[in-house]
Amino acid sequence: MSNQINALVTQLAEAVTRFPDMLAEHREQYGPQAPRAFLRTLAFVSAAGYQSGASDAAGEFQKVLDILDAEVGKDDAVDELIAVAFLANAPLDGDPRGSLQQLLGPKLRGLLDKVPAHDSTHGFVHRMVAAEPALAADLNEHVETYDDVLPHLFMGEIVDRLVEWIGSGEESALARAGTVLQALEDEWGKDYEIDETIAASFVENLPDEDSSDRKILSLLGPKLKKELDRQRA
């Protein structure tokens, strides 16, 4: 991590009382990927606060925007980080949450052409389907329904599919479920956006211990099991 990036996230954390604890949690959980994860979280959390109508939350979001706008143009790595981590996840024009694009300063607006169309989770979804082609029909139906790949939603759908396969007791279905679970295990720990998607939309949607569908819990790999234990502690 460059000194400029470290200075940016430190400045952002110091701008709002609750942000230092948030940054510390991200550093503990994501290590070197913490700055990117932190800016992504700020894009969701601070924007949602602004959209809630609370006056203090509106002030938080404006502080974040002012700091970011002031830093644009000073360092290429910082500009890229702001574009791919913050702007890519902020509610801009066309976002169903409602656009806050009019609040962007002039230099932030100048970065909009660097915002990627998709983040790393889209590639992750396609790798999952490549690992287990039996998911292709589910992905095709998902795209037909939503006109795009929505990684968080699709991961929730995968939980239902795996529970169905495992519940059938058929050897071929159990093998398919095992392939998907191993692919998830292999993906964990390489990219914070993928980890967050797996944690929030796969692990969090797994059946309870006392559910009739609990067999899937015993088939989790060590990394997924650790995340499940963390969530349910």
Protein backbone atom coordinates (compact mmCIF):
# COMPACT_ATOMS: atom_id res chain seq x y z
CA MET A 1 0.00 0.00 0.00
CA SER A 2 1.37 3.38 -1.02
CA ASN A 3 1.88 6.18 1.45
CA GLN A 4 -0.67 8.24 -0.46
CA ILE A 5 -3.36 5.58 -0.13
CA ASN A 6 -2.62 5.12 3.55
CA ALA A 7 -2.84 8.89 4.05
CA LEU A 8 -6.19 8.99 2.24
CA VAL A 9 -7.87 6.28 4.32
CA THR A 10 -6.47 7.78 7.51
CA GLN A 11 -7.85 11.19 6.58
CA LEU A 12 -11.25 9.68 5.81
CA ALA A 13 -11.28 7.75 9.08
CA GLU A 14 -10.50 10.87 11.07
CA ALA A 15 -13.30 12.84 9.42
CA VAL A 16 -16.15 11.09 11.23
CA THR A 17 -16.21 9.78 14.80
CA ARG A 18 -17.38 6.26 13.95
CA PHE A 19 -15.02 5.73 11.01
CA PRO A 20 -11.78 4.86 12.91
CA ASP A 21 -13.33 1.71 14.39
CA MET A 22 -14.66 0.80 10.96
CA LEU A 23 -11.21 1.18 9.42
CA ALA A 24 -9.62 -0.88 12.20
CA GLU A 25 -12.10 -3.69 11.58
CA HIS A 26 -11.37 -3.61 7.85
CA ARG A 27 -7.62 -3.72 8.45
CA GLU A 28 -8.02 -6.73 10.73
CA GLN A 29 -10.30 -8.59 8.35
CA TYR A 30 -8.88 -7.65 4.95
CA GLY A 31 -5.19 -6.88 5.54
CA PRO A 32 -3.60 -5.32 2.44
CA GLN A 33 -7.02 -5.02 0.78
CA ALA A 34 -8.38 -2.91 3.65
CA PRO A 35 -8.23 0.52 1.86
CA ARG A 36 -10.27 -0.76 -1.06
CA ALA A 37 -12.73 -2.50 1.26
CA PHE A 38 -13.00 0.61 3.44
CA LEU A 39 -13.82 2.93 0.53
CA ARG A 40 -16.38 0.45 -0.77
CA THR A 41 -18.05 0.34 2.64
CA LEU A 42 -18.05 4.14 2.84
CA ALA A 43 -19.78 4.29 -0.54
CA PHE A 44 -22.60 2.12 0.77
CA VAL A 45 -22.83 3.28 4.38
CA SER A 46 -22.35 7.03 4.01
CA ALA A 47 -24.60 7.24 0.95
CA ALA A 48 -27.33 5.21 2.66
CA GLY A 49 -27.10 7.57 5.62
CA TYR A 50 -27.52 10.57 3.34
CA GLN A 51 -30.50 9.00 1.63
CA SER A 52 -32.11 8.32 5.01
CA GLY A 53 -32.61 12.06 5.44
CA ALA A 54 -30.80 12.33 8.77
CA SER A 55 -28.95 15.65 8.94
CA ASP A 56 -25.81 14.25 10.59
CA ALA A 57 -25.62 11.46 8.01
CA ALA A 58 -25.87 13.99 5.19
CA GLY A 59 -22.94 15.82 6.72
CA GLU A 60 -20.90 12.60 6.89
CA PHE A 61 -21.41 11.88 3.21
CA GLN A 62 -20.50 15.41 2.22
CA LYS A 63 -17.30 15.21 4.27
CA VAL A 64 -16.34 12.01 2.46
CA LEU A 65 -17.05 13.56 -0.94
CA ASP A 66 -15.09 16.73 -0.12
CA ILE A 67 -12.02 14.76 0.99
CA LEU A 68 -12.09 12.50 -2.06
CA ASP A 69 -12.60 15.38 -4.48
CA ALA A 70 -9.65 17.24 -2.98
CA GLU A 71 -7.38 14.20 -3.43
CA VAL A 72 -8.22 13.44 -7.06
CA GLY A 73 -5.36 14.18 -9.41
CA LYS A 74 -2.54 13.93 -6.90
CA ASP A 75 -1.67 10.25 -7.35
CA ASP A 76 -2.68 7.73 -10.03
CA ALA A 77 -3.07 4.88 -7.54
CA VAL A 78 -5.36 7.01 -5.36
CA ASP A 79 -7.45 8.01 -8.37
CA GLU A 80 -7.85 4.37 -9.37
CA LEU A 81 -8.80 3.39 -5.84
CA ILE A 82 -11.46 6.11 -5.65
CA ALA A 83 -12.89 5.08 -9.03
CA VAL A 84 -13.02 1.30 -8.52
CA ALA A 85 -13.80 1.19 -4.79
CA PHE A 86 -15.89 4.28 -4.03
CA LEU A 87 -17.49 5.56 -7.22
CA ALA A 88 -18.19 2.07 -8.54
CA ASN A 89 -20.28 1.36 -5.44
CA ALA A 90 -21.87 4.77 -4.86
CA PRO A 91 -25.48 5.40 -5.99
CA LEU A 92 -24.98 7.30 -9.24
CA ASP A 93 -27.24 7.99 -12.22
CA GLY A 94 -29.29 4.91 -13.09
CA ASP A 95 -28.93 3.32 -9.66
CA PRO A 96 -32.28 1.98 -8.38
CA ARG A 97 -31.40 3.31 -4.91
CA GLY A 98 -31.60 6.84 -6.31
CA SER A 99 -28.75 8.92 -7.67
CA LEU A 100 -26.50 11.17 -5.61
CA GLN A 101 -24.29 11.99 -8.59
CA GLN A 102 -25.25 15.66 -8.43
CA LEU A 103 -23.34 15.89 -5.13
CA LEU A 104 -20.00 14.95 -6.68
CA GLY A 105 -17.36 17.61 -6.95
CA PRO A 106 -15.83 18.44 -10.35
CA LYS A 107 -12.77 16.26 -9.95
CA LEU A 108 -14.80 13.25 -8.84
CA ARG A 109 -17.00 13.73 -11.89
CA GLY A 110 -13.86 13.61 -13.97
CA LEU A 111 -13.17 10.09 -12.69
CA LEU A 112 -16.52 8.67 -13.75
CA ASP A 113 -15.14 7.39 -17.06
CA LYS A 114 -12.71 5.22 -15.05
CA VAL A 115 -15.47 3.45 -13.10
CA PRO A 116 -15.57 -0.23 -14.15
CA ALA A 117 -18.88 -1.61 -15.42
CA HIS A 118 -18.56 -4.65 -13.16
CA ASP A 119 -16.52 -5.59 -10.13
CA SER A 120 -14.63 -8.82 -9.48
CA THR A 121 -17.72 -10.65 -8.22
CA HIS A 122 -19.09 -11.04 -11.74
CA GLY A 123 -16.01 -12.99 -12.80
CA PHE A 124 -16.36 -15.03 -9.63
CA VAL A 125 -19.92 -16.05 -10.55
CA HIS A 126 -18.80 -17.19 -13.98
CA ARG A 127 -15.92 -19.18 -12.48
CA MET A 128 -18.41 -20.92 -10.20
CA VAL A 129 -20.51 -21.95 -13.16
CA ALA A 130 -17.43 -23.06 -15.08
CA ALA A 131 -16.42 -25.24 -12.13
CA GLU A 132 -19.88 -26.84 -11.99
CA PRO A 133 -21.68 -26.55 -15.35
CA ALA A 134 -24.90 -27.85 -13.77
CA LEU A 135 -25.35 -24.29 -12.46
CA ALA A 136 -25.49 -22.90 -16.01
CA ALA A 137 -29.26 -23.30 -16.25
CA ASP A 138 -29.68 -21.44 -12.96
CA LEU A 139 -27.46 -18.60 -14.19
CA ASN A 140 -29.31 -18.38 -17.51
CA GLU A 141 -32.66 -18.17 -15.71
CA HIS A 142 -31.21 -15.56 -13.35
CA VAL A 143 -30.03 -13.37 -16.24
CA GLU A 144 -33.35 -13.77 -18.07
CA THR A 145 -35.14 -12.60 -14.94
CA TYR A 146 -32.89 -9.68 -13.98
CA ASP A 147 -31.22 -8.78 -17.30
CA ASP A 148 -27.83 -8.97 -15.60
CA VAL A 149 -25.81 -11.01 -13.13
CA LEU A 150 -26.57 -9.89 -9.58
CA PRO A 151 -23.85 -11.74 -7.63
CA HIS A 152 -25.36 -11.37 -4.16
CA LEU A 153 -28.77 -12.57 -5.29
CA PHE A 154 -27.32 -15.43 -7.32
CA MET A 155 -25.30 -16.68 -4.35
CA GLY A 156 -28.51 -16.92 -2.34
CA GLU A 157 -30.01 -18.96 -5.16
CA ILE A 158 -26.99 -21.27 -5.08
CA VAL A 159 -27.69 -22.07 -1.42
CA ASP A 160 -31.16 -23.29 -2.40
CA ARG A 161 -29.74 -25.37 -5.25
CA LEU A 162 -27.08 -27.02 -3.07
CA VAL A 163 -29.60 -27.82 -0.34
CA GLU A 164 -31.78 -29.45 -3.00
CA TRP A 165 -28.90 -31.50 -4.40
CA ILE A 166 -27.69 -32.62 -0.99
CA GLY A 167 -31.21 -33.42 0.17
CA SER A 168 -31.76 -35.73 -2.81
CA GLY A 169 -29.07 -38.08 -1.53
CA GLU A 170 -28.11 -38.95 -5.11
CA GLU A 171 -24.42 -39.58 -5.57
CA SER A 172 -24.16 -37.40 -8.67
CA ALA A 173 -26.00 -34.54 -6.97
CA LEU A 174 -23.80 -34.79 -3.88
CA ALA A 175 -20.74 -34.66 -6.16
CA ARG A 176 -22.06 -31.51 -7.82
CA ALA A 177 -22.66 -29.88 -4.45
CA GLY A 178 -19.16 -30.87 -3.35
CA THR A 179 -17.66 -29.25 -6.44
CA VAL A 180 -19.43 -25.96 -5.75
CA LEU A 181 -18.48 -25.95 -2.07
CA GLN A 182 -14.85 -26.62 -2.96
CA ALA A 183 -14.90 -23.80 -5.51
CA LEU A 184 -16.23 -21.43 -2.85
CA GLU A 185 -13.55 -22.60 -0.43
CA ASP A 186 -10.86 -22.01 -3.07
CA GLU A 187 -12.13 -18.49 -3.82
CA TRP A 188 -12.16 -17.38 -0.18
CA GLY A 189 -9.35 -15.08 0.90
CA LYS A 190 -8.24 -13.81 -2.51
CA ASP A 191 -10.48 -10.76 -3.00
CA TYR A 192 -12.40 -8.87 -0.34
CA GLU A 193 -15.40 -8.23 -2.63
CA ILE A 194 -15.73 -11.95 -3.31
CA ASP A 195 -15.31 -12.77 0.39
CA GLU A 196 -18.03 -10.26 1.27
CA THR A 197 -20.36 -11.74 -1.35
CA ILE A 198 -19.81 -15.29 -0.11
CA ALA A 199 -20.17 -14.24 3.54
CA ALA A 200 -23.25 -12.06 3.15
CA SER A 201 -25.17 -14.01 0.54
CA PHE A 202 -24.05 -17.62 0.84
CA VAL A 203 -22.88 -18.28 4.39
CA GLU A 204 -25.49 -16.03 5.97
CA ASN A 205 -28.26 -17.88 4.11
CA LEU A 206 -27.19 -21.38 5.15
CA PRO A 207 -29.73 -23.43 7.16
CA ASP A 208 -29.74 -23.44 10.95
CA GLU A 209 -28.23 -26.31 12.92
CA ASP A 210 -31.68 -27.61 13.84
CA SER A 211 -33.03 -27.41 10.29
CA SER A 212 -33.88 -30.50 8.28
CA ASP A 213 -31.51 -29.12 5.61
CA ARG A 214 -28.53 -28.86 7.97
CA LYS A 215 -26.48 -31.56 6.22
CA ILE A 216 -24.85 -28.91 4.04
CA LEU A 217 -23.20 -27.46 7.16
CA SER A 218 -21.14 -30.62 7.68
CA LEU A 219 -19.81 -30.39 4.11
CA LEU A 220 -18.31 -26.89 4.41
CA GLY A 221 -14.57 -26.48 4.08
CA PRO A 222 -12.53 -25.02 6.95
CA LYS A 223 -12.61 -21.41 5.69
CA LEU A 224 -16.35 -21.36 5.14
CA LYS A 225 -16.92 -23.14 8.44
CA LYS A 226 -14.81 -20.52 10.21
CA GLU A 227 -16.88 -17.73 8.67
CA LEU A 228 -20.10 -19.50 9.65
CA ASP A 229 -18.88 -19.85 13.23
CA ARG A 230 -17.90 -16.16 13.25
CA GLN A 231 -21.35 -15.10 12.09
CA ARG A 232 -23.18 -17.31 14.56
CA ALA A 233 -20.97 -16.72 17.58
